[in-house]
């Protein structure tokens, strides 16, 4: 009985090791500007992803924040970079890309919350569809009094799925995965 049990355990371990060896490493890049209100929630969601922690690199790129964003980010085991030259989420994102160590990169914004399966589903779509880019669903949660930015997001991002599917264009960076060209 012990031999059969041990043999079964060894097979499970081998199978698990094979799966682990086949999973790609992912760099998650997040531009942040004056994000003290939301950044901890995002980072917590990223640290609780259903993906092997040793295969994840989380990069927060502060874009010259004047609030406590950097102080909050420094409480976590994530990489903090600073983009102080150009005031733009694009510049911050590009700095993250230049400093990422993994070929697969995922992008989200500092005011988002990642679902536990986000990376796993993104990687699965990249691999199973032989895709260069995948985008995910964005669900909006608003405070009682919407800010101008929340209103803008709700209007402009309604077309996310259609833009990616029909036009091969990712107009937003929320929940986007890509491979380098």
N, C-alpha and C. Protein backbone atom coordinates (compact mmCIF):
# COMPACT_ATOMS: atom_id res chain seq x y z
N UNK A 1 0.83 -1.20 0.00
CA UNK A 1 0.00 0.00 0.00
C UNK A 1 0.87 1.25 0.00
N UNK A 2 1.91 1.28 0.80
CA UNK A 2 2.79 2.44 0.85
C UNK A 2 3.48 2.68 -0.49
N UNK A 3 3.91 1.58 -1.15
CA UNK A 3 4.59 1.74 -2.43
C UNK A 3 3.65 2.37 -3.46
N UNK A 4 2.41 1.91 -3.48
CA UNK A 4 1.45 2.47 -4.43
C UNK A 4 1.18 3.94 -4.11
N UNK A 5 1.04 4.22 -2.83
CA UNK A 5 0.79 5.60 -2.42
C UNK A 5 1.98 6.49 -2.78
N UNK A 6 3.19 6.02 -2.50
CA UNK A 6 4.39 6.80 -2.83
C UNK A 6 4.54 6.98 -4.33
N UNK A 7 4.25 5.93 -5.08
CA UNK A 7 4.34 6.04 -6.54
C UNK A 7 3.35 7.06 -7.06
N UNK A 8 2.14 7.06 -6.52
CA UNK A 8 1.12 8.02 -6.92
C UNK A 8 1.57 9.44 -6.58
N UNK A 9 2.12 9.62 -5.40
CA UNK A 9 2.59 10.94 -4.99
C UNK A 9 3.70 11.42 -5.91
N UNK A 10 4.62 10.53 -6.24
CA UNK A 10 5.72 10.91 -7.14
C UNK A 10 5.18 11.34 -8.50
N UNK A 11 4.17 10.63 -9.00
CA UNK A 11 3.58 10.99 -10.29
C UNK A 11 2.91 12.36 -10.22
N UNK A 12 2.22 12.62 -9.11
CA UNK A 12 1.58 13.93 -8.93
C UNK A 12 2.63 15.02 -8.90
N UNK A 13 3.72 14.79 -8.17
CA UNK A 13 4.80 15.78 -8.09
C UNK A 13 5.41 16.00 -9.47
N UNK A 14 5.67 14.93 -10.22
CA UNK A 14 6.23 15.07 -11.57
C UNK A 14 5.29 15.85 -12.47
N UNK A 15 4.00 15.53 -12.38
CA UNK A 15 3.00 16.23 -13.18
C UNK A 15 2.96 17.71 -12.82
N UNK A 16 2.99 18.01 -11.53
CA UNK A 16 2.98 19.40 -11.07
C UNK A 16 4.23 20.12 -11.56
N UNK A 17 5.39 19.47 -11.44
CA UNK A 17 6.64 20.07 -11.90
C UNK A 17 6.59 20.37 -13.39
N UNK A 18 5.99 19.46 -14.17
CA UNK A 18 5.88 19.68 -15.62
C UNK A 18 5.02 20.90 -15.91
N UNK A 19 3.92 21.04 -15.18
CA UNK A 19 3.05 22.20 -15.36
C UNK A 19 3.80 23.47 -14.98
N UNK A 20 4.49 23.44 -13.84
CA UNK A 20 5.23 24.62 -13.38
C UNK A 20 6.31 25.01 -14.38
N UNK A 21 6.98 24.01 -14.96
CA UNK A 21 8.03 24.30 -15.93
C UNK A 21 7.49 24.91 -17.21
N UNK A 22 6.22 24.64 -17.52
CA UNK A 22 5.65 25.15 -18.77
C UNK A 22 5.00 26.52 -18.62
N UNK A 23 4.76 26.96 -17.39
CA UNK A 23 4.16 28.28 -17.19
C UNK A 23 5.20 29.37 -17.44
N UNK A 24 4.84 30.38 -18.21
CA UNK A 24 5.79 31.46 -18.45
C UNK A 24 5.79 32.48 -17.31
N UNK A 25 6.91 33.17 -17.18
CA UNK A 25 7.01 34.26 -16.21
C UNK A 25 6.34 35.49 -16.81
N UNK A 26 5.76 36.31 -15.94
CA UNK A 26 4.99 37.48 -16.38
C UNK A 26 5.43 38.70 -15.58
N UNK A 27 5.63 39.81 -16.27
CA UNK A 27 5.87 41.10 -15.62
C UNK A 27 4.58 41.90 -15.68
N UNK A 28 4.12 42.37 -14.54
CA UNK A 28 2.92 43.20 -14.46
C UNK A 28 3.37 44.64 -14.27
N UNK A 29 2.97 45.50 -15.17
CA UNK A 29 3.42 46.89 -15.17
C UNK A 29 2.24 47.81 -14.88
N UNK A 30 2.44 48.69 -13.88
CA UNK A 30 1.38 49.59 -13.43
C UNK A 30 1.92 51.01 -13.34
N UNK A 31 1.46 51.92 -14.22
CA UNK A 31 1.81 53.33 -14.02
C UNK A 31 0.96 53.89 -12.89
N UNK A 32 1.55 54.78 -12.09
CA UNK A 32 0.80 55.34 -10.96
C UNK A 32 1.11 56.82 -10.80
N UNK A 33 0.05 57.59 -10.60
CA UNK A 33 0.21 59.02 -10.32
C UNK A 33 -0.81 59.41 -9.25
N UNK A 34 -0.31 59.89 -8.13
CA UNK A 34 -1.18 60.28 -7.01
C UNK A 34 -2.26 59.23 -6.76
N UNK A 35 -1.81 58.01 -6.56
CA UNK A 35 -2.70 56.86 -6.44
C UNK A 35 -2.85 56.35 -5.01
N UNK A 36 -2.57 57.20 -4.03
CA UNK A 36 -2.59 56.73 -2.64
C UNK A 36 -3.93 56.12 -2.23
N UNK A 37 -5.00 56.54 -2.86
CA UNK A 37 -6.34 56.05 -2.51
C UNK A 37 -6.55 54.60 -2.95
N UNK A 38 -5.94 54.20 -4.07
CA UNK A 38 -6.25 52.90 -4.67
C UNK A 38 -5.08 51.92 -4.74
N UNK A 39 -3.86 52.39 -4.66
CA UNK A 39 -2.70 51.55 -4.98
C UNK A 39 -2.57 50.33 -4.07
N UNK A 40 -2.87 50.46 -2.79
CA UNK A 40 -2.75 49.31 -1.88
C UNK A 40 -3.73 48.21 -2.26
N UNK A 41 -4.94 48.60 -2.63
CA UNK A 41 -5.95 47.61 -3.03
C UNK A 41 -5.49 46.87 -4.27
N UNK A 42 -4.96 47.60 -5.24
CA UNK A 42 -4.45 46.95 -6.45
C UNK A 42 -3.32 45.99 -6.11
N UNK A 43 -2.33 46.45 -5.37
CA UNK A 43 -1.18 45.60 -5.05
C UNK A 43 -1.62 44.35 -4.30
N UNK A 44 -2.52 44.51 -3.35
CA UNK A 44 -3.04 43.34 -2.62
C UNK A 44 -3.67 42.34 -3.59
N UNK A 45 -4.43 42.84 -4.56
CA UNK A 45 -5.05 41.93 -5.53
C UNK A 45 -3.99 41.23 -6.38
N UNK A 46 -2.91 41.93 -6.72
CA UNK A 46 -1.84 41.33 -7.51
C UNK A 46 -1.06 40.29 -6.70
N UNK A 47 -0.89 40.54 -5.43
CA UNK A 47 -0.17 39.60 -4.57
C UNK A 47 -0.99 38.35 -4.27
N UNK A 48 -2.29 38.40 -4.54
CA UNK A 48 -3.16 37.25 -4.30
C UNK A 48 -3.62 36.59 -5.61
N UNK A 49 -2.90 36.82 -6.68
CA UNK A 49 -3.23 36.18 -7.95
C UNK A 49 -3.01 34.67 -7.84
N UNK A 50 -3.82 33.92 -8.56
CA UNK A 50 -3.70 32.47 -8.62
C UNK A 50 -2.67 32.11 -9.70
N UNK A 51 -1.42 32.44 -9.42
CA UNK A 51 -0.32 32.19 -10.34
C UNK A 51 0.93 32.07 -9.47
N UNK A 52 1.86 31.21 -9.84
CA UNK A 52 3.05 31.04 -8.99
C UNK A 52 3.78 32.36 -8.75
N UNK A 53 3.96 32.69 -7.50
CA UNK A 53 4.58 33.98 -7.13
C UNK A 53 5.98 34.14 -7.72
N UNK A 54 6.71 33.02 -7.81
CA UNK A 54 8.08 33.10 -8.34
C UNK A 54 8.11 33.38 -9.84
N UNK A 55 6.96 33.32 -10.49
CA UNK A 55 6.88 33.62 -11.92
C UNK A 55 6.29 35.00 -12.19
N UNK A 56 6.08 35.78 -11.14
CA UNK A 56 5.51 37.11 -11.30
C UNK A 56 6.51 38.19 -10.90
N UNK A 57 6.54 39.23 -11.69
CA UNK A 57 7.29 40.44 -11.36
C UNK A 57 6.27 41.58 -11.39
N UNK A 58 6.10 42.27 -10.28
CA UNK A 58 5.16 43.38 -10.21
C UNK A 58 5.97 44.67 -10.19
N UNK A 59 5.73 45.51 -11.19
CA UNK A 59 6.46 46.77 -11.33
C UNK A 59 5.46 47.92 -11.24
N UNK A 60 5.63 48.77 -10.24
CA UNK A 60 4.84 49.99 -10.12
C UNK A 60 5.75 51.13 -10.56
N UNK A 61 5.30 51.93 -11.52
CA UNK A 61 6.11 53.06 -11.99
C UNK A 61 5.42 54.35 -11.55
N UNK A 62 6.01 54.99 -10.56
CA UNK A 62 5.45 56.25 -10.06
C UNK A 62 5.79 57.36 -11.05
N UNK A 63 4.77 58.15 -11.39
CA UNK A 63 4.93 59.21 -12.39
C UNK A 63 4.90 60.59 -11.72
N UNK A 64 5.84 60.77 -10.77
CA UNK A 64 6.01 62.08 -10.13
C UNK A 64 4.86 62.41 -9.18
N UNK A 65 4.40 61.43 -8.43
CA UNK A 65 3.30 61.65 -7.48
C UNK A 65 3.71 62.64 -6.39
N UNK A 66 2.72 63.41 -5.94
CA UNK A 66 2.96 64.36 -4.85
C UNK A 66 2.25 63.93 -3.57
N UNK A 67 1.61 62.78 -3.61
CA UNK A 67 0.94 62.26 -2.42
C UNK A 67 1.78 61.13 -1.80
N UNK A 68 1.17 60.20 -1.13
CA UNK A 68 1.87 59.12 -0.43
C UNK A 68 1.99 57.84 -1.26
N UNK A 69 1.82 57.91 -2.56
CA UNK A 69 1.86 56.71 -3.41
C UNK A 69 3.14 55.90 -3.19
N UNK A 70 4.29 56.52 -3.31
CA UNK A 70 5.57 55.79 -3.17
C UNK A 70 5.71 55.18 -1.77
N UNK A 71 5.32 55.91 -0.77
CA UNK A 71 5.39 55.41 0.61
C UNK A 71 4.56 54.13 0.75
N UNK A 72 3.38 54.13 0.19
CA UNK A 72 2.49 52.96 0.26
C UNK A 72 3.08 51.80 -0.53
N UNK A 73 3.56 52.06 -1.73
CA UNK A 73 4.15 50.99 -2.56
C UNK A 73 5.34 50.36 -1.86
N UNK A 74 6.14 51.16 -1.19
CA UNK A 74 7.34 50.65 -0.51
C UNK A 74 7.03 49.69 0.63
N UNK A 75 5.79 49.60 1.05
CA UNK A 75 5.40 48.65 2.10
C UNK A 75 5.32 47.21 1.56
N UNK A 76 5.32 47.07 0.26
CA UNK A 76 5.11 45.77 -0.38
C UNK A 76 6.39 45.29 -1.07
N UNK A 77 6.43 43.97 -1.30
CA UNK A 77 7.55 43.37 -2.02
C UNK A 77 7.28 43.43 -3.52
N UNK A 78 7.32 44.63 -4.04
CA UNK A 78 7.17 44.87 -5.48
C UNK A 78 8.28 45.82 -5.90
N UNK A 79 8.52 45.88 -7.21
CA UNK A 79 9.55 46.78 -7.72
C UNK A 79 8.93 48.16 -7.94
N UNK A 80 9.56 49.19 -7.38
CA UNK A 80 9.11 50.56 -7.57
C UNK A 80 10.12 51.30 -8.43
N UNK A 81 9.65 51.83 -9.55
CA UNK A 81 10.46 52.67 -10.42
C UNK A 81 9.86 54.06 -10.43
N UNK A 82 10.64 55.03 -10.87
CA UNK A 82 10.14 56.39 -10.96
C UNK A 82 10.36 56.94 -12.37
N UNK A 83 9.33 57.57 -12.90
CA UNK A 83 9.41 58.30 -14.17
C UNK A 83 9.12 59.75 -13.83
N UNK A 84 10.17 60.55 -13.72
CA UNK A 84 10.02 61.95 -13.33
C UNK A 84 10.28 62.92 -14.48
N UNK A 85 10.70 62.41 -15.63
CA UNK A 85 11.04 63.28 -16.75
C UNK A 85 9.81 63.70 -17.54
N UNK A 86 8.98 62.73 -17.89
CA UNK A 86 7.79 63.00 -18.71
C UNK A 86 6.55 62.67 -17.89
N UNK A 87 5.65 63.63 -17.75
CA UNK A 87 4.43 63.44 -16.97
C UNK A 87 3.37 62.81 -17.87
N UNK A 88 3.36 61.48 -17.93
CA UNK A 88 2.44 60.77 -18.81
C UNK A 88 2.40 59.30 -18.39
N UNK A 89 1.20 58.74 -18.35
CA UNK A 89 1.11 57.31 -18.03
C UNK A 89 1.82 56.48 -19.09
N UNK A 90 1.87 56.98 -20.33
CA UNK A 90 2.57 56.27 -21.40
C UNK A 90 4.07 56.21 -21.11
N UNK A 91 4.64 57.32 -20.65
CA UNK A 91 6.06 57.35 -20.31
C UNK A 91 6.35 56.41 -19.14
N UNK A 92 5.48 56.42 -18.15
CA UNK A 92 5.65 55.54 -17.00
C UNK A 92 5.56 54.08 -17.43
N UNK A 93 4.59 53.77 -18.26
CA UNK A 93 4.42 52.40 -18.75
C UNK A 93 5.65 51.98 -19.55
N UNK A 94 6.13 52.86 -20.41
CA UNK A 94 7.31 52.54 -21.22
C UNK A 94 8.54 52.28 -20.35
N UNK A 95 8.69 53.03 -19.28
CA UNK A 95 9.81 52.79 -18.35
C UNK A 95 9.67 51.40 -17.74
N UNK A 96 8.46 51.02 -17.38
CA UNK A 96 8.23 49.67 -16.86
C UNK A 96 8.59 48.61 -17.87
N UNK A 97 8.22 48.83 -19.12
CA UNK A 97 8.54 47.87 -20.19
C UNK A 97 10.05 47.73 -20.33
N UNK A 98 10.76 48.85 -20.34
CA UNK A 98 12.22 48.81 -20.49
C UNK A 98 12.90 48.08 -19.34
N UNK A 99 12.29 48.08 -18.18
CA UNK A 99 12.90 47.46 -17.01
C UNK A 99 12.34 46.09 -16.67
N UNK A 100 11.37 45.62 -17.42
CA UNK A 100 10.76 44.31 -17.16
C UNK A 100 11.74 43.20 -17.53
N UNK A 101 11.75 42.15 -16.74
CA UNK A 101 12.67 41.05 -17.02
C UNK A 101 12.01 39.89 -17.78
N UNK A 102 10.70 39.92 -17.93
CA UNK A 102 10.00 38.81 -18.57
C UNK A 102 9.48 39.19 -19.95
N UNK A 103 9.33 38.17 -20.81
CA UNK A 103 8.86 38.42 -22.17
C UNK A 103 7.36 38.71 -22.22
N UNK A 104 6.61 38.09 -21.33
CA UNK A 104 5.18 38.36 -21.28
C UNK A 104 4.95 39.49 -20.30
N UNK A 105 4.21 40.49 -20.76
CA UNK A 105 3.92 41.65 -19.92
C UNK A 105 2.42 41.85 -19.83
N UNK A 106 1.98 42.18 -18.64
CA UNK A 106 0.57 42.48 -18.40
C UNK A 106 0.49 43.91 -17.88
N UNK A 107 -0.54 44.61 -18.31
CA UNK A 107 -0.69 46.01 -17.94
C UNK A 107 -2.04 46.24 -17.27
N UNK A 108 -2.02 47.04 -16.25
CA UNK A 108 -3.25 47.48 -15.61
C UNK A 108 -2.99 48.86 -15.03
N UNK A 109 -4.02 49.47 -14.52
CA UNK A 109 -3.90 50.81 -13.97
C UNK A 109 -3.97 50.77 -12.45
N UNK A 110 -3.50 51.82 -11.82
CA UNK A 110 -3.40 51.86 -10.36
C UNK A 110 -4.76 51.88 -9.66
N UNK A 111 -5.82 52.21 -10.38
CA UNK A 111 -7.15 52.24 -9.76
C UNK A 111 -7.97 51.00 -10.08
N UNK A 112 -7.30 49.94 -10.51
CA UNK A 112 -7.98 48.68 -10.85
C UNK A 112 -7.80 47.66 -9.73
N UNK A 113 -8.60 46.61 -9.80
CA UNK A 113 -8.46 45.46 -8.91
C UNK A 113 -8.43 44.23 -9.81
N UNK A 114 -7.36 43.45 -9.71
CA UNK A 114 -7.24 42.25 -10.54
C UNK A 114 -7.99 41.09 -9.89
N UNK A 115 -8.72 40.34 -10.70
CA UNK A 115 -9.35 39.13 -10.19
C UNK A 115 -8.27 38.06 -10.03
N UNK A 116 -8.46 37.10 -9.14
CA UNK A 116 -7.41 36.09 -8.89
C UNK A 116 -6.96 35.34 -10.14
N UNK A 117 -7.84 35.13 -11.09
CA UNK A 117 -7.52 34.36 -12.30
C UNK A 117 -6.98 35.22 -13.44
N UNK A 118 -6.83 36.51 -13.24
CA UNK A 118 -6.47 37.44 -14.31
C UNK A 118 -5.24 37.00 -15.10
N UNK A 119 -4.13 36.76 -14.44
CA UNK A 119 -2.89 36.39 -15.14
C UNK A 119 -3.04 35.01 -15.78
N UNK A 120 -3.59 34.08 -15.04
CA UNK A 120 -3.74 32.72 -15.57
C UNK A 120 -4.58 32.72 -16.85
N UNK A 121 -5.69 33.44 -16.84
CA UNK A 121 -6.54 33.49 -18.03
C UNK A 121 -5.85 34.24 -19.18
N UNK A 122 -5.12 35.29 -18.86
CA UNK A 122 -4.40 36.02 -19.90
C UNK A 122 -3.33 35.18 -20.55
N UNK A 123 -2.56 34.46 -19.75
CA UNK A 123 -1.51 33.59 -20.28
C UNK A 123 -2.14 32.47 -21.10
N UNK A 124 -3.22 31.90 -20.60
CA UNK A 124 -3.90 30.81 -21.33
C UNK A 124 -4.36 31.31 -22.70
N UNK A 125 -4.93 32.49 -22.75
CA UNK A 125 -5.39 33.03 -24.04
C UNK A 125 -4.22 33.30 -24.97
N UNK A 126 -3.13 33.84 -24.45
CA UNK A 126 -1.95 34.08 -25.29
C UNK A 126 -1.44 32.78 -25.90
N UNK A 127 -1.34 31.76 -25.08
CA UNK A 127 -0.77 30.49 -25.53
C UNK A 127 -1.74 29.72 -26.42
N UNK A 128 -2.98 29.55 -25.97
CA UNK A 128 -3.93 28.71 -26.71
C UNK A 128 -4.36 29.34 -28.03
N UNK A 129 -4.37 30.64 -28.11
CA UNK A 129 -4.77 31.32 -29.34
C UNK A 129 -3.58 31.74 -30.19
N UNK A 130 -2.37 31.44 -29.73
CA UNK A 130 -1.14 31.90 -30.39
C UNK A 130 -1.24 33.40 -30.69
N UNK A 131 -1.70 34.13 -29.71
CA UNK A 131 -1.94 35.57 -29.88
C UNK A 131 -0.71 36.37 -29.44
N UNK A 132 -0.61 37.56 -29.97
CA UNK A 132 0.43 38.50 -29.55
C UNK A 132 -0.10 39.45 -28.49
N UNK A 133 -1.43 39.59 -28.43
CA UNK A 133 -2.06 40.53 -27.51
C UNK A 133 -3.42 39.99 -27.11
N UNK A 134 -3.74 40.08 -25.84
CA UNK A 134 -5.09 39.75 -25.38
C UNK A 134 -5.56 40.85 -24.45
N UNK A 135 -6.84 41.05 -24.41
CA UNK A 135 -7.43 42.04 -23.51
C UNK A 135 -8.53 41.38 -22.71
N UNK A 136 -8.79 41.92 -21.56
CA UNK A 136 -9.80 41.32 -20.69
C UNK A 136 -10.95 42.25 -20.43
N UNK A 137 -11.92 41.72 -19.75
CA UNK A 137 -13.12 42.46 -19.40
C UNK A 137 -12.80 43.49 -18.32
N UNK A 138 -13.37 44.65 -18.46
CA UNK A 138 -13.23 45.70 -17.45
C UNK A 138 -14.62 45.96 -16.88
N UNK A 139 -14.74 45.79 -15.58
CA UNK A 139 -16.01 46.06 -14.90
C UNK A 139 -15.81 47.29 -14.03
N UNK A 140 -16.67 48.26 -14.18
CA UNK A 140 -16.52 49.52 -13.46
C UNK A 140 -17.27 49.50 -12.14
N UNK A 141 -16.64 50.05 -11.12
CA UNK A 141 -17.25 50.26 -9.81
C UNK A 141 -17.06 51.73 -9.49
N UNK A 142 -18.16 52.40 -9.22
CA UNK A 142 -18.08 53.85 -9.00
C UNK A 142 -18.48 54.22 -7.58
N UNK A 143 -17.91 55.32 -7.15
CA UNK A 143 -18.35 55.90 -5.89
C UNK A 143 -19.69 56.58 -6.15
N UNK A 144 -20.35 57.01 -5.10
CA UNK A 144 -21.65 57.68 -5.29
C UNK A 144 -21.51 58.92 -6.16
N UNK A 145 -20.44 59.65 -5.94
CA UNK A 145 -20.19 60.85 -6.75
C UNK A 145 -19.05 60.53 -7.70
N UNK A 146 -19.37 60.34 -8.95
CA UNK A 146 -18.36 60.00 -9.94
C UNK A 146 -17.46 61.19 -10.24
N UNK A 147 -16.19 60.87 -10.38
CA UNK A 147 -15.24 61.91 -10.77
C UNK A 147 -15.29 62.07 -12.28
N UNK A 148 -14.71 63.14 -12.78
CA UNK A 148 -14.64 63.34 -14.23
C UNK A 148 -13.89 62.19 -14.89
N UNK A 149 -12.83 61.71 -14.24
CA UNK A 149 -12.05 60.60 -14.79
C UNK A 149 -12.90 59.32 -14.88
N UNK A 150 -13.73 59.06 -13.85
CA UNK A 150 -14.59 57.87 -13.88
C UNK A 150 -15.62 57.98 -15.00
N UNK A 151 -16.19 59.14 -15.18
CA UNK A 151 -17.15 59.34 -16.27
C UNK A 151 -16.49 59.14 -17.62
N UNK A 152 -15.31 59.70 -17.79
CA UNK A 152 -14.57 59.55 -19.05
C UNK A 152 -14.29 58.08 -19.32
N UNK A 153 -13.78 57.36 -18.30
CA UNK A 153 -13.50 55.93 -18.46
C UNK A 153 -14.74 55.16 -18.87
N UNK A 154 -15.86 55.43 -18.23
CA UNK A 154 -17.08 54.67 -18.52
C UNK A 154 -17.56 54.89 -19.94
N UNK A 155 -17.34 56.07 -20.48
CA UNK A 155 -17.77 56.37 -21.84
C UNK A 155 -16.79 55.82 -22.87
N UNK A 156 -15.51 56.10 -22.69
CA UNK A 156 -14.52 55.74 -23.72
C UNK A 156 -14.16 54.27 -23.74
N UNK A 157 -14.30 53.57 -22.63
CA UNK A 157 -13.86 52.18 -22.60
C UNK A 157 -14.96 51.17 -22.88
N UNK A 158 -16.13 51.63 -23.25
CA UNK A 158 -17.21 50.71 -23.60
C UNK A 158 -16.85 49.86 -24.82
N UNK A 159 -15.98 50.38 -25.66
CA UNK A 159 -15.64 49.70 -26.90
C UNK A 159 -14.41 48.79 -26.79
N UNK A 160 -13.92 48.57 -25.60
CA UNK A 160 -12.69 47.78 -25.44
C UNK A 160 -12.73 46.45 -26.18
N UNK A 161 -13.72 45.64 -25.91
CA UNK A 161 -13.79 44.31 -26.49
C UNK A 161 -13.88 44.38 -28.02
N UNK A 162 -14.72 45.27 -28.52
CA UNK A 162 -14.85 45.40 -29.97
C UNK A 162 -13.57 45.89 -30.61
N UNK A 163 -12.90 46.84 -29.98
CA UNK A 163 -11.65 47.35 -30.53
C UNK A 163 -10.60 46.25 -30.65
N UNK A 164 -10.48 45.43 -29.62
CA UNK A 164 -9.49 44.36 -29.66
C UNK A 164 -9.89 43.28 -30.65
N UNK A 165 -11.15 42.86 -30.58
CA UNK A 165 -11.61 41.75 -31.42
C UNK A 165 -11.69 42.13 -32.89
N UNK A 166 -12.30 43.25 -33.19
CA UNK A 166 -12.57 43.61 -34.58
C UNK A 166 -11.48 44.43 -35.24
N UNK A 167 -10.78 45.24 -34.45
CA UNK A 167 -9.81 46.16 -35.05
C UNK A 167 -8.37 45.88 -34.62
N UNK A 168 -8.17 44.87 -33.75
CA UNK A 168 -6.84 44.56 -33.24
C UNK A 168 -6.17 45.76 -32.60
N UNK A 169 -6.96 46.56 -31.89
CA UNK A 169 -6.47 47.76 -31.23
C UNK A 169 -6.84 47.69 -29.76
N UNK A 170 -5.86 47.90 -28.89
CA UNK A 170 -6.12 47.98 -27.46
C UNK A 170 -6.06 49.44 -27.07
N UNK A 171 -7.22 50.05 -26.94
CA UNK A 171 -7.29 51.48 -26.68
C UNK A 171 -7.00 51.83 -25.23
N UNK A 172 -7.12 50.88 -24.36
CA UNK A 172 -6.83 51.10 -22.95
C UNK A 172 -5.80 50.08 -22.49
N UNK A 173 -5.21 50.32 -21.35
CA UNK A 173 -4.22 49.37 -20.86
C UNK A 173 -4.74 48.56 -19.69
N UNK A 174 -5.97 48.72 -19.35
CA UNK A 174 -6.51 47.94 -18.24
C UNK A 174 -6.62 46.48 -18.68
N UNK A 175 -5.96 45.60 -17.96
CA UNK A 175 -6.05 44.16 -18.19
C UNK A 175 -5.61 43.74 -19.58
N UNK A 176 -4.49 44.21 -20.02
CA UNK A 176 -3.95 43.84 -21.33
C UNK A 176 -2.68 43.03 -21.14
N UNK A 177 -2.53 41.98 -21.94
CA UNK A 177 -1.32 41.16 -21.98
C UNK A 177 -0.71 41.29 -23.35
N UNK A 178 0.61 41.25 -23.44
CA UNK A 178 1.23 41.24 -24.76
C UNK A 178 2.56 40.53 -24.72
N UNK A 179 2.99 40.11 -25.88
CA UNK A 179 4.31 39.53 -26.08
C UNK A 179 5.14 40.54 -26.86
N UNK A 180 6.45 40.57 -26.65
CA UNK A 180 7.27 41.52 -27.41
C UNK A 180 7.30 41.15 -28.88
N UNK A 181 7.50 42.14 -29.70
CA UNK A 181 7.54 41.92 -31.16
C UNK A 181 8.91 41.46 -31.56
